[in-house]
Amino acid sequence: MKDDQPTTPDDAPDDFASQADQAEMGLIAEFWDFLIHNKKWWLTPIILVLLAMGALIILSGTAAAPFIYTLW
């Protein structure tokens, strides 16, 4: 057994408390972390298309609408 591993549960550091003390990640950072660790790269184009469509819908109600309609 290695010396750096705890032998009893009392010797183990409290991982839950140390993680609770860390700063929260933002939505984009958490999504990026999810993509990297779970290898879900196929979600990236879906999310980008949904964001682009949402931006077009929001901008269609503003003064930029005449410029957006020429894109279609």
N, C-alpha and C. Protein backbone atom coordinates (compact mmCIF):
# COMPACT_ATOMS: atom_id res chain seq x y z
N MET A 1 0.85 -1.19 0.00
CA MET A 1 0.00 0.00 0.00
C MET A 1 0.89 1.24 0.00
N LYS A 2 0.46 2.26 -0.71
CA LYS A 2 1.23 3.50 -0.78
C LYS A 2 1.04 4.31 0.49
N ASP A 3 2.02 5.14 0.78
CA ASP A 3 1.95 5.97 1.99
C ASP A 3 0.99 7.13 1.86
N ASP A 4 0.70 7.59 0.61
CA ASP A 4 -0.15 8.76 0.43
C ASP A 4 -1.64 8.43 0.50
N GLN A 5 -2.01 7.16 0.55
CA GLN A 5 -3.41 6.79 0.63
C GLN A 5 -3.81 6.61 2.09
N PRO A 6 -4.96 7.12 2.47
CA PRO A 6 -5.40 6.95 3.86
C PRO A 6 -5.77 5.50 4.14
N THR A 7 -5.50 5.06 5.35
CA THR A 7 -5.79 3.67 5.71
C THR A 7 -7.15 3.53 6.38
N THR A 8 -7.62 4.57 7.02
CA THR A 8 -8.92 4.52 7.68
C THR A 8 -9.76 5.70 7.21
N PRO A 9 -11.07 5.60 7.34
CA PRO A 9 -11.92 6.73 6.94
C PRO A 9 -11.64 8.00 7.73
N ASP A 10 -11.12 7.88 8.94
CA ASP A 10 -10.82 9.07 9.75
C ASP A 10 -9.64 9.86 9.19
N ASP A 11 -8.72 9.16 8.50
CA ASP A 11 -7.56 9.83 7.92
C ASP A 11 -7.88 10.52 6.60
N ALA A 12 -8.98 10.15 5.95
CA ALA A 12 -9.32 10.70 4.64
C ALA A 12 -9.77 12.16 4.78
N PRO A 13 -9.35 13.01 3.83
CA PRO A 13 -9.83 14.40 3.86
C PRO A 13 -11.32 14.45 3.52
N ASP A 14 -11.97 15.45 4.01
CA ASP A 14 -13.41 15.60 3.77
C ASP A 14 -13.60 16.23 2.40
N ASP A 15 -13.73 15.40 1.37
CA ASP A 15 -13.85 15.90 -0.01
C ASP A 15 -15.11 16.71 -0.22
N PHE A 16 -16.21 16.30 0.41
CA PHE A 16 -17.47 17.02 0.23
C PHE A 16 -17.36 18.45 0.74
N ALA A 17 -16.77 18.63 1.89
CA ALA A 17 -16.63 19.97 2.46
C ALA A 17 -15.67 20.82 1.63
N SER A 18 -14.60 20.22 1.14
CA SER A 18 -13.65 21.00 0.34
C SER A 18 -14.26 21.40 -1.00
N GLN A 19 -15.08 20.54 -1.59
CA GLN A 19 -15.74 20.90 -2.83
C GLN A 19 -16.82 21.94 -2.60
N ALA A 20 -17.47 21.92 -1.46
CA ALA A 20 -18.50 22.90 -1.16
C ALA A 20 -17.90 24.28 -0.97
N ASP A 21 -16.65 24.34 -0.52
CA ASP A 21 -15.99 25.64 -0.31
C ASP A 21 -15.50 26.27 -1.60
N GLN A 22 -15.39 25.50 -2.67
CA GLN A 22 -14.90 26.04 -3.95
C GLN A 22 -15.96 26.93 -4.58
N ALA A 23 -15.50 27.85 -5.41
CA ALA A 23 -16.41 28.75 -6.12
C ALA A 23 -17.20 27.96 -7.16
N GLU A 24 -18.43 28.37 -7.40
CA GLU A 24 -19.27 27.70 -8.38
C GLU A 24 -18.82 28.06 -9.80
N MET A 25 -18.94 27.09 -10.69
CA MET A 25 -18.62 27.33 -12.09
C MET A 25 -19.83 27.96 -12.76
N GLY A 26 -19.58 28.75 -13.78
CA GLY A 26 -20.67 29.32 -14.55
C GLY A 26 -21.30 28.28 -15.45
N LEU A 27 -22.37 28.64 -16.10
CA LEU A 27 -23.09 27.72 -16.97
C LEU A 27 -22.24 27.26 -18.14
N ILE A 28 -21.55 28.19 -18.77
CA ILE A 28 -20.73 27.85 -19.93
C ILE A 28 -19.54 26.99 -19.51
N ALA A 29 -18.90 27.34 -18.40
CA ALA A 29 -17.77 26.54 -17.91
C ALA A 29 -18.21 25.14 -17.51
N GLU A 30 -19.37 25.03 -16.90
CA GLU A 30 -19.87 23.72 -16.53
C GLU A 30 -20.22 22.88 -17.75
N PHE A 31 -20.81 23.52 -18.77
CA PHE A 31 -21.12 22.80 -20.01
C PHE A 31 -19.85 22.35 -20.71
N TRP A 32 -18.84 23.20 -20.73
CA TRP A 32 -17.56 22.86 -21.35
C TRP A 32 -16.92 21.68 -20.60
N ASP A 33 -16.97 21.71 -19.28
CA ASP A 33 -16.44 20.61 -18.47
C ASP A 33 -17.19 19.32 -18.76
N PHE A 34 -18.49 19.41 -18.92
CA PHE A 34 -19.30 18.25 -19.27
C PHE A 34 -18.89 17.67 -20.62
N LEU A 35 -18.70 18.55 -21.61
CA LEU A 35 -18.30 18.08 -22.95
C LEU A 35 -16.95 17.39 -22.93
N ILE A 36 -16.02 17.93 -22.19
CA ILE A 36 -14.67 17.37 -22.16
C ILE A 36 -14.65 16.02 -21.45
N HIS A 37 -15.28 15.94 -20.29
CA HIS A 37 -15.19 14.72 -19.50
C HIS A 37 -16.09 13.60 -20.01
N ASN A 38 -17.21 13.91 -20.62
CA ASN A 38 -18.13 12.88 -21.07
C ASN A 38 -18.06 12.61 -22.57
N LYS A 39 -17.19 13.34 -23.27
CA LYS A 39 -16.98 13.14 -24.71
C LYS A 39 -18.29 13.23 -25.50
N LYS A 40 -19.07 14.24 -25.21
CA LYS A 40 -20.35 14.45 -25.89
C LYS A 40 -20.22 15.58 -26.92
N TRP A 41 -19.23 15.48 -27.78
CA TRP A 41 -18.97 16.54 -28.75
C TRP A 41 -20.09 16.69 -29.76
N TRP A 42 -20.93 15.69 -29.95
CA TRP A 42 -22.02 15.78 -30.90
C TRP A 42 -23.08 16.78 -30.43
N LEU A 43 -23.06 17.16 -29.15
CA LEU A 43 -24.01 18.16 -28.66
C LEU A 43 -23.65 19.58 -29.08
N THR A 44 -22.41 19.82 -29.40
CA THR A 44 -21.95 21.18 -29.71
C THR A 44 -22.69 21.80 -30.89
N PRO A 45 -22.83 21.15 -32.05
CA PRO A 45 -23.56 21.80 -33.14
C PRO A 45 -25.04 22.02 -32.83
N ILE A 46 -25.63 21.12 -32.06
CA ILE A 46 -27.04 21.28 -31.70
C ILE A 46 -27.22 22.52 -30.84
N ILE A 47 -26.36 22.69 -29.84
CA ILE A 47 -26.45 23.86 -28.95
C ILE A 47 -26.18 25.14 -29.73
N LEU A 48 -25.21 25.12 -30.63
CA LEU A 48 -24.90 26.33 -31.41
C LEU A 48 -26.06 26.73 -32.33
N VAL A 49 -26.70 25.76 -32.96
CA VAL A 49 -27.85 26.06 -33.82
C VAL A 49 -29.01 26.60 -32.99
N LEU A 50 -29.25 26.00 -31.83
CA LEU A 50 -30.33 26.50 -30.96
C LEU A 50 -30.05 27.93 -30.49
N LEU A 51 -28.80 28.22 -30.15
CA LEU A 51 -28.45 29.59 -29.75
C LEU A 51 -28.61 30.58 -30.90
N ALA A 52 -28.20 30.17 -32.11
CA ALA A 52 -28.34 31.05 -33.27
C ALA A 52 -29.81 31.31 -33.59
N MET A 53 -30.63 30.28 -33.54
CA MET A 53 -32.06 30.47 -33.79
C MET A 53 -32.69 31.36 -32.73
N GLY A 54 -32.31 31.17 -31.48
CA GLY A 54 -32.82 32.02 -30.41
C GLY A 54 -32.43 33.47 -30.59
N ALA A 55 -31.18 33.70 -31.02
CA ALA A 55 -30.72 35.07 -31.27
C ALA A 55 -31.50 35.69 -32.43
N LEU A 56 -31.77 34.92 -33.47
CA LEU A 56 -32.55 35.45 -34.60
C LEU A 56 -33.98 35.78 -34.18
N ILE A 57 -34.56 34.95 -33.35
CA ILE A 57 -35.93 35.21 -32.88
C ILE A 57 -35.98 36.46 -32.01
N ILE A 58 -35.00 36.62 -31.14
CA ILE A 58 -34.97 37.81 -30.27
C ILE A 58 -34.73 39.06 -31.10
N LEU A 59 -33.80 39.00 -32.05
CA LEU A 59 -33.49 40.18 -32.86
C LEU A 59 -34.57 40.51 -33.87
N SER A 60 -35.45 39.57 -34.17
CA SER A 60 -36.51 39.85 -35.14
C SER A 60 -37.55 40.84 -34.60
N GLY A 61 -37.58 41.00 -33.31
CA GLY A 61 -38.51 41.97 -32.71
C GLY A 61 -37.89 43.33 -32.47
N THR A 62 -36.69 43.57 -32.95
CA THR A 62 -36.00 44.83 -32.71
C THR A 62 -35.86 45.61 -34.03
N ALA A 63 -35.10 46.68 -33.97
CA ALA A 63 -34.87 47.49 -35.17
C ALA A 63 -33.97 46.78 -36.17
N ALA A 64 -33.34 45.70 -35.77
CA ALA A 64 -32.48 44.94 -36.68
C ALA A 64 -33.27 43.99 -37.57
N ALA A 65 -34.59 43.94 -37.40
CA ALA A 65 -35.43 43.00 -38.15
C ALA A 65 -35.29 43.13 -39.67
N PRO A 66 -35.27 44.33 -40.25
CA PRO A 66 -35.13 44.39 -41.72
C PRO A 66 -33.84 43.78 -42.24
N PHE A 67 -32.80 43.83 -41.44
CA PHE A 67 -31.53 43.25 -41.86
C PHE A 67 -31.53 41.73 -41.70
N ILE A 68 -32.29 41.24 -40.73
CA ILE A 68 -32.35 39.80 -40.50
C ILE A 68 -33.18 39.13 -41.60
N TYR A 69 -34.26 39.76 -42.02
CA TYR A 69 -35.13 39.15 -43.03
C TYR A 69 -34.42 39.00 -44.37
N THR A 70 -33.38 39.78 -44.62
CA THR A 70 -32.65 39.63 -45.86
C THR A 70 -31.73 38.39 -45.82
N LEU A 71 -31.48 37.85 -44.62
CA LEU A 71 -30.66 36.66 -44.50
C LEU A 71 -31.42 35.41 -44.94
N TRP A 72 -32.73 35.43 -44.84
CA TRP A 72 -33.52 34.24 -45.19
C TRP A 72 -33.59 34.19 -46.67
